[in-house]
Amino acid sequence: MTAKRKKKTLSAKGTYYKQFNEEIRALVKDGVTDFVIKDCNGQRYIATALEGDLRFDVHGVPGQDLAAFMRGPYVRIHNNAQDGVGNTMDEGRIVIEGLAGDVIGYAMRGGEIFIQGDVGYRVGIHMKAYLDHQPKIVIGGKAGDFLGEYMAGGIILLLGMFSGKPDAPVAGRSLGTGMHGGVIYVRGEVPEGQLGPGLHAQPCDSEDLKVIEELAKDYAKELKLDSKEIMSENFVKIRPFSHRPYANLYVPC
């Protein structure tokens, strides 16, 4: 028999983030599983380091490091999000119905982050696979500079479809700089000049397309989009050219 879920609605209006997160943690200990957070305006660390089958529906714009170190909860932002979402998260799912800032998914080791719009700089930096965890980030819009920098594992899927920057390239400068693991898939084409040193875009094979299609279906379902439209364009992949991209910069003593 499925355990009954316990729901709580909170207003973050005028509440300092430290007290607000202490209140959430106390309610989790008291058995609350589902949170509706209203009037959010920059409160940091919401759902950070929480574990288990919890759900957060956040209305407003949460502050930095939302869901950092998270293991399991589902977090939905019915608006934009600031920097550091999913910092070093291990498991769970984050859905952002708007834009997101810089360093999304920093050192992320598992779970999924689905973003409907554009993102800032250094998204997916230091992403890594951890044990049987395979982190995934899907970006519906476009990305700033250094997407996937030093990436060591996981998947980034960049669609470029739902962007407020029609004249910008799909990604900024130095895409994939220093990456030594994982893969970045891009819908359409990537200008060669946007890629990091030594990288190049390759056509996706049938196995790649299976991975992309499965991820696109999950993403489209969460954001009420058309997965067939997402898959109607060609995709390219960017993979590391070496597992030690900077080895030749070091001279043995």
Protein backbone atom coordinates (compact mmCIF):
# COMPACT_ATOMS: atom_id res chain seq x y z
CA MET A 1 0.00 0.00 0.00
CA THR A 2 1.34 3.41 -1.02
CA ALA A 3 2.07 5.72 1.90
CA LYS A 4 -0.16 8.77 2.08
CA ARG A 5 1.60 11.96 1.08
CA LYS A 6 1.52 14.98 3.33
CA LYS A 7 1.28 18.39 1.66
CA LYS A 8 2.21 21.85 2.93
CA THR A 9 1.94 25.30 1.33
CA LEU A 10 4.47 27.92 2.44
CA SER A 11 4.94 31.57 1.58
CA ALA A 12 8.55 32.75 1.31
CA LYS A 13 7.55 36.40 1.24
CA GLY A 14 9.80 38.50 3.46
CA THR A 15 11.52 35.43 4.96
CA TYR A 16 15.31 35.20 5.18
CA TYR A 17 16.59 32.10 3.40
CA LYS A 18 18.22 30.55 6.49
CA GLN A 19 15.00 30.58 8.51
CA PHE A 20 12.99 29.47 5.50
CA ASN A 21 15.16 26.40 4.90
CA GLU A 22 15.15 25.54 8.59
CA GLU A 23 11.35 25.56 8.47
CA ILE A 24 11.35 23.24 5.44
CA ARG A 25 13.75 20.80 7.10
CA ALA A 26 11.65 20.72 10.26
CA LEU A 27 8.55 19.94 8.21
CA VAL A 28 10.37 17.14 6.34
CA LYS A 29 11.28 15.60 9.70
CA ASP A 30 7.59 15.89 10.64
CA GLY A 31 6.62 13.83 7.59
CA VAL A 32 5.73 16.48 4.99
CA THR A 33 6.49 15.16 1.50
CA ASP A 34 4.97 17.72 -0.89
CA PHE A 35 5.71 21.44 -0.71
CA VAL A 36 4.09 24.30 -2.58
CA ILE A 37 6.27 27.37 -2.16
CA LYS A 38 4.74 30.72 -3.05
CA ASP A 39 6.17 34.26 -3.27
CA CYS A 40 9.74 33.01 -3.70
CA ASN A 41 12.10 35.91 -4.32
CA GLY A 42 15.76 34.96 -4.21
CA GLN A 43 15.73 32.59 -1.22
CA ARG A 44 18.80 30.38 -1.59
CA TYR A 45 19.44 26.67 -1.05
CA ILE A 46 15.84 25.45 -1.38
CA ALA A 47 15.84 21.61 -1.30
CA THR A 48 19.60 21.59 -0.82
CA ALA A 49 20.97 18.30 0.58
CA LEU A 50 17.50 16.83 0.99
CA GLU A 51 16.96 13.15 0.27
CA GLY A 52 14.11 10.86 -0.64
CA ASP A 53 10.71 11.05 -2.27
CA LEU A 54 9.94 14.73 -1.81
CA ARG A 55 8.31 17.21 -4.17
CA PHE A 56 8.72 20.99 -4.39
CA ASP A 57 6.58 23.26 -6.57
CA VAL A 58 8.22 26.66 -6.45
CA HIS A 59 6.34 29.79 -7.58
CA GLY A 60 8.51 32.86 -8.04
CA VAL A 61 12.27 33.00 -8.63
CA PRO A 62 14.41 30.99 -6.18
CA GLY A 63 17.95 32.05 -5.33
CA GLN A 64 21.31 30.43 -5.90
CA ASP A 65 22.25 26.79 -5.30
CA LEU A 66 18.73 25.43 -5.42
CA ALA A 67 18.82 21.64 -4.93
CA ALA A 68 22.57 21.51 -4.35
CA PHE A 69 23.76 18.10 -3.10
CA MET A 70 20.21 16.83 -3.55
CA ARG A 71 19.49 13.09 -3.53
CA GLY A 72 16.09 12.17 -4.86
CA PRO A 73 13.51 14.97 -4.65
CA TYR A 74 11.56 16.38 -7.56
CA VAL A 75 11.73 20.18 -7.88
CA ARG A 76 9.65 22.21 -10.32
CA ILE A 77 10.24 25.94 -10.81
CA HIS A 78 7.23 27.68 -12.34
CA ASN A 79 9.43 30.59 -13.42
CA ASN A 80 13.11 31.40 -13.94
CA ALA A 81 15.98 30.20 -11.75
CA GLN A 82 19.25 31.80 -10.68
CA ASP A 83 22.82 30.43 -10.66
CA GLY A 84 24.06 27.10 -9.34
CA VAL A 85 20.93 24.97 -9.71
CA GLY A 86 21.73 21.31 -9.03
CA ASN A 87 25.24 21.99 -7.75
CA THR A 88 26.82 18.53 -7.13
CA MET A 89 23.40 16.86 -7.03
CA ASP A 90 23.39 13.05 -6.91
CA GLU A 91 19.83 12.11 -7.80
CA GLY A 92 16.40 13.61 -8.50
CA ARG A 93 14.81 15.80 -11.14
CA ILE A 94 14.62 19.57 -11.55
CA VAL A 95 12.26 21.16 -14.08
CA ILE A 96 12.58 24.88 -14.84
CA GLU A 97 9.75 26.43 -16.84
CA GLY A 98 11.79 29.50 -17.79
CA LEU A 99 15.41 30.62 -18.00
CA ALA A 100 18.30 29.59 -15.78
CA GLY A 101 21.55 31.31 -14.83
CA ASP A 102 25.21 30.32 -14.74
CA VAL A 103 26.94 27.09 -13.57
CA ILE A 104 23.79 24.96 -13.70
CA GLY A 105 24.64 21.36 -12.79
CA TYR A 106 28.13 22.13 -11.52
CA ALA A 107 29.88 18.80 -10.76
CA MET A 108 26.50 17.09 -11.05
CA ARG A 109 26.75 13.32 -10.52
CA GLY A 110 23.22 12.06 -11.20
CA GLY A 111 19.62 13.01 -11.90
CA GLU A 112 18.14 15.30 -14.53
CA ILE A 113 17.78 19.05 -15.01
CA PHE A 114 15.26 20.12 -17.66
CA ILE A 115 15.27 23.82 -18.63
CA GLN A 116 12.74 25.25 -21.06
CA GLY A 117 14.62 28.42 -22.05
CA ASP A 118 18.12 29.82 -22.27
CA VAL A 119 20.97 29.33 -19.79
CA GLY A 120 24.03 31.33 -18.82
CA TYR A 121 27.73 30.53 -18.70
CA ARG A 122 29.58 27.34 -17.69
CA VAL A 123 26.54 25.10 -17.53
CA GLY A 124 27.50 21.46 -16.92
CA ILE A 125 31.04 22.33 -15.84
CA HIS A 126 32.76 19.34 -14.20
CA MET A 127 29.74 17.08 -14.72
CA LYS A 128 30.69 13.48 -14.04
CA ALA A 129 29.21 9.99 -14.02
CA TYR A 130 29.22 8.46 -10.54
CA LEU A 131 28.85 4.70 -10.01
CA ASP A 132 25.65 3.83 -11.92
CA HIS A 133 24.45 7.45 -11.98
CA GLN A 134 24.39 9.26 -15.34
CA PRO A 135 23.59 12.98 -14.98
CA LYS A 136 21.59 14.65 -17.75
CA ILE A 137 20.89 18.30 -18.59
CA VAL A 138 18.44 19.31 -21.33
CA ILE A 139 18.42 22.96 -22.42
CA GLY A 140 15.51 24.02 -24.58
CA GLY A 141 17.03 27.37 -25.52
CA LYS A 142 20.61 28.48 -26.08
CA ALA A 143 23.68 28.45 -23.85
CA GLY A 144 26.39 30.94 -22.94
CA ASP A 145 30.16 30.43 -23.08
CA PHE A 146 31.97 27.32 -21.79
CA LEU A 147 29.05 24.88 -21.92
CA GLY A 148 30.31 21.50 -20.66
CA GLU A 149 33.71 22.86 -19.62
CA TYR A 150 35.92 20.11 -18.09
CA MET A 151 33.00 17.71 -18.44
CA ALA A 152 33.94 14.21 -17.26
CA GLY A 153 30.68 12.30 -17.75
CA GLY A 154 26.95 12.53 -18.34
CA ILE A 155 24.87 13.99 -21.15
CA ILE A 156 24.04 17.56 -22.16
CA LEU A 157 21.32 17.98 -24.79
CA LEU A 158 21.16 21.49 -26.27
CA LEU A 159 18.10 22.18 -28.39
CA GLY A 160 18.27 25.90 -29.20
CA MET A 161 14.52 25.93 -29.87
CA PHE A 162 12.93 28.04 -27.12
CA SER A 163 15.26 31.00 -27.00
CA GLY A 164 14.86 34.72 -26.44
CA LYS A 165 18.04 35.27 -28.50
CA PRO A 166 17.12 34.55 -32.11
CA ASP A 167 20.33 36.02 -33.55
CA ALA A 168 22.75 34.32 -31.15
CA PRO A 169 24.57 31.07 -31.97
CA VAL A 170 23.20 27.98 -30.25
CA ALA A 171 26.08 28.14 -27.77
CA GLY A 172 28.68 30.71 -26.81
CA ARG A 173 32.45 30.45 -27.13
CA SER A 174 34.58 27.48 -26.06
CA LEU A 175 31.89 24.81 -25.97
CA GLY A 176 33.30 21.69 -24.34
CA THR A 177 36.67 23.20 -23.45
CA GLY A 178 38.74 20.63 -21.56
CA MET A 179 36.03 17.97 -21.61
CA HIS A 180 37.40 14.46 -21.05
CA GLY A 181 34.24 12.39 -20.70
CA GLY A 182 30.54 12.41 -21.42
CA VAL A 183 28.82 13.76 -24.51
CA ILE A 184 27.13 16.97 -25.67
CA TYR A 185 24.35 16.61 -28.23
CA VAL A 186 23.24 19.68 -30.19
CA ARG A 187 20.14 20.01 -32.33
CA GLY A 188 21.08 21.44 -35.72
CA GLU A 189 24.60 22.68 -36.38
CA VAL A 190 27.36 24.13 -34.21
CA PRO A 191 29.63 26.77 -35.76
CA GLU A 192 33.17 25.36 -35.67
CA GLY A 193 34.43 28.58 -34.10
CA GLN A 194 32.26 28.02 -31.01
CA LEU A 195 33.95 24.74 -30.07
CA GLY A 196 36.76 24.40 -27.56
CA PRO A 197 40.31 23.55 -28.70
CA GLY A 198 40.65 20.22 -30.49
CA LEU A 199 36.93 19.44 -30.58
CA HIS A 200 34.71 18.94 -33.58
CA ALA A 201 31.05 18.09 -34.13
CA GLN A 202 30.24 14.64 -35.49
CA PRO A 203 27.00 13.24 -36.93
CA CYS A 204 24.93 11.20 -34.49
CA ASP A 205 24.59 7.48 -35.15
CA SER A 206 21.52 5.31 -34.48
CA GLU A 207 22.54 4.61 -30.87
CA ASP A 208 22.97 8.31 -30.19
CA LEU A 209 19.54 9.01 -31.65
CA LYS A 210 17.95 6.42 -29.34
CA VAL A 211 19.48 8.16 -26.34
CA ILE A 212 18.37 11.59 -27.59
CA GLU A 213 14.83 10.40 -28.37
CA GLU A 214 14.35 8.88 -24.93
CA LEU A 215 15.61 12.03 -23.24
CA ALA A 216 13.53 14.27 -25.53
CA LYS A 217 10.37 12.32 -24.66
CA ASP A 218 10.96 12.79 -20.92
CA TYR A 219 11.72 16.46 -21.41
CA ALA A 220 8.72 17.09 -23.67
CA LYS A 221 6.35 15.32 -21.27
CA GLU A 222 7.52 17.43 -18.34
CA LEU A 223 7.16 20.72 -20.22
CA LYS A 224 4.13 19.85 -22.38
CA LEU A 225 6.09 20.08 -25.62
CA ASP A 226 6.12 18.01 -28.81
CA SER A 227 8.92 15.44 -28.80
CA LYS A 228 8.36 14.75 -32.51
CA GLU A 229 9.09 18.40 -33.27
CA ILE A 230 12.27 18.16 -31.21
CA MET A 231 13.37 15.10 -33.17
CA SER A 232 12.50 16.63 -36.56
CA GLU A 233 15.99 18.15 -36.94
CA ASN A 234 19.39 16.51 -37.25
CA PHE A 235 21.69 16.31 -34.23
CA VAL A 236 25.45 16.45 -33.85
CA LYS A 237 27.56 15.22 -30.95
CA ILE A 238 30.65 16.61 -29.31
CA ARG A 239 32.86 14.11 -27.54
CA PRO A 240 36.27 14.59 -25.91
CA PHE A 241 39.27 14.09 -28.15
CA SER A 242 41.29 12.82 -25.18
CA HIS A 243 40.73 11.67 -21.60
CA ARG A 244 43.71 13.90 -20.69
CA PRO A 245 43.21 17.01 -22.83
CA TYR A 246 45.97 19.02 -21.16
CA ALA A 247 48.56 16.27 -20.65
CA ASN A 248 50.98 17.85 -23.10
CA LEU A 249 51.04 21.08 -21.06
CA TYR A 250 52.90 19.37 -18.19
CA VAL A 251 56.61 18.55 -18.29
CA PRO A 252 57.82 15.63 -16.12
CA CYS A 253 60.35 16.60 -13.46
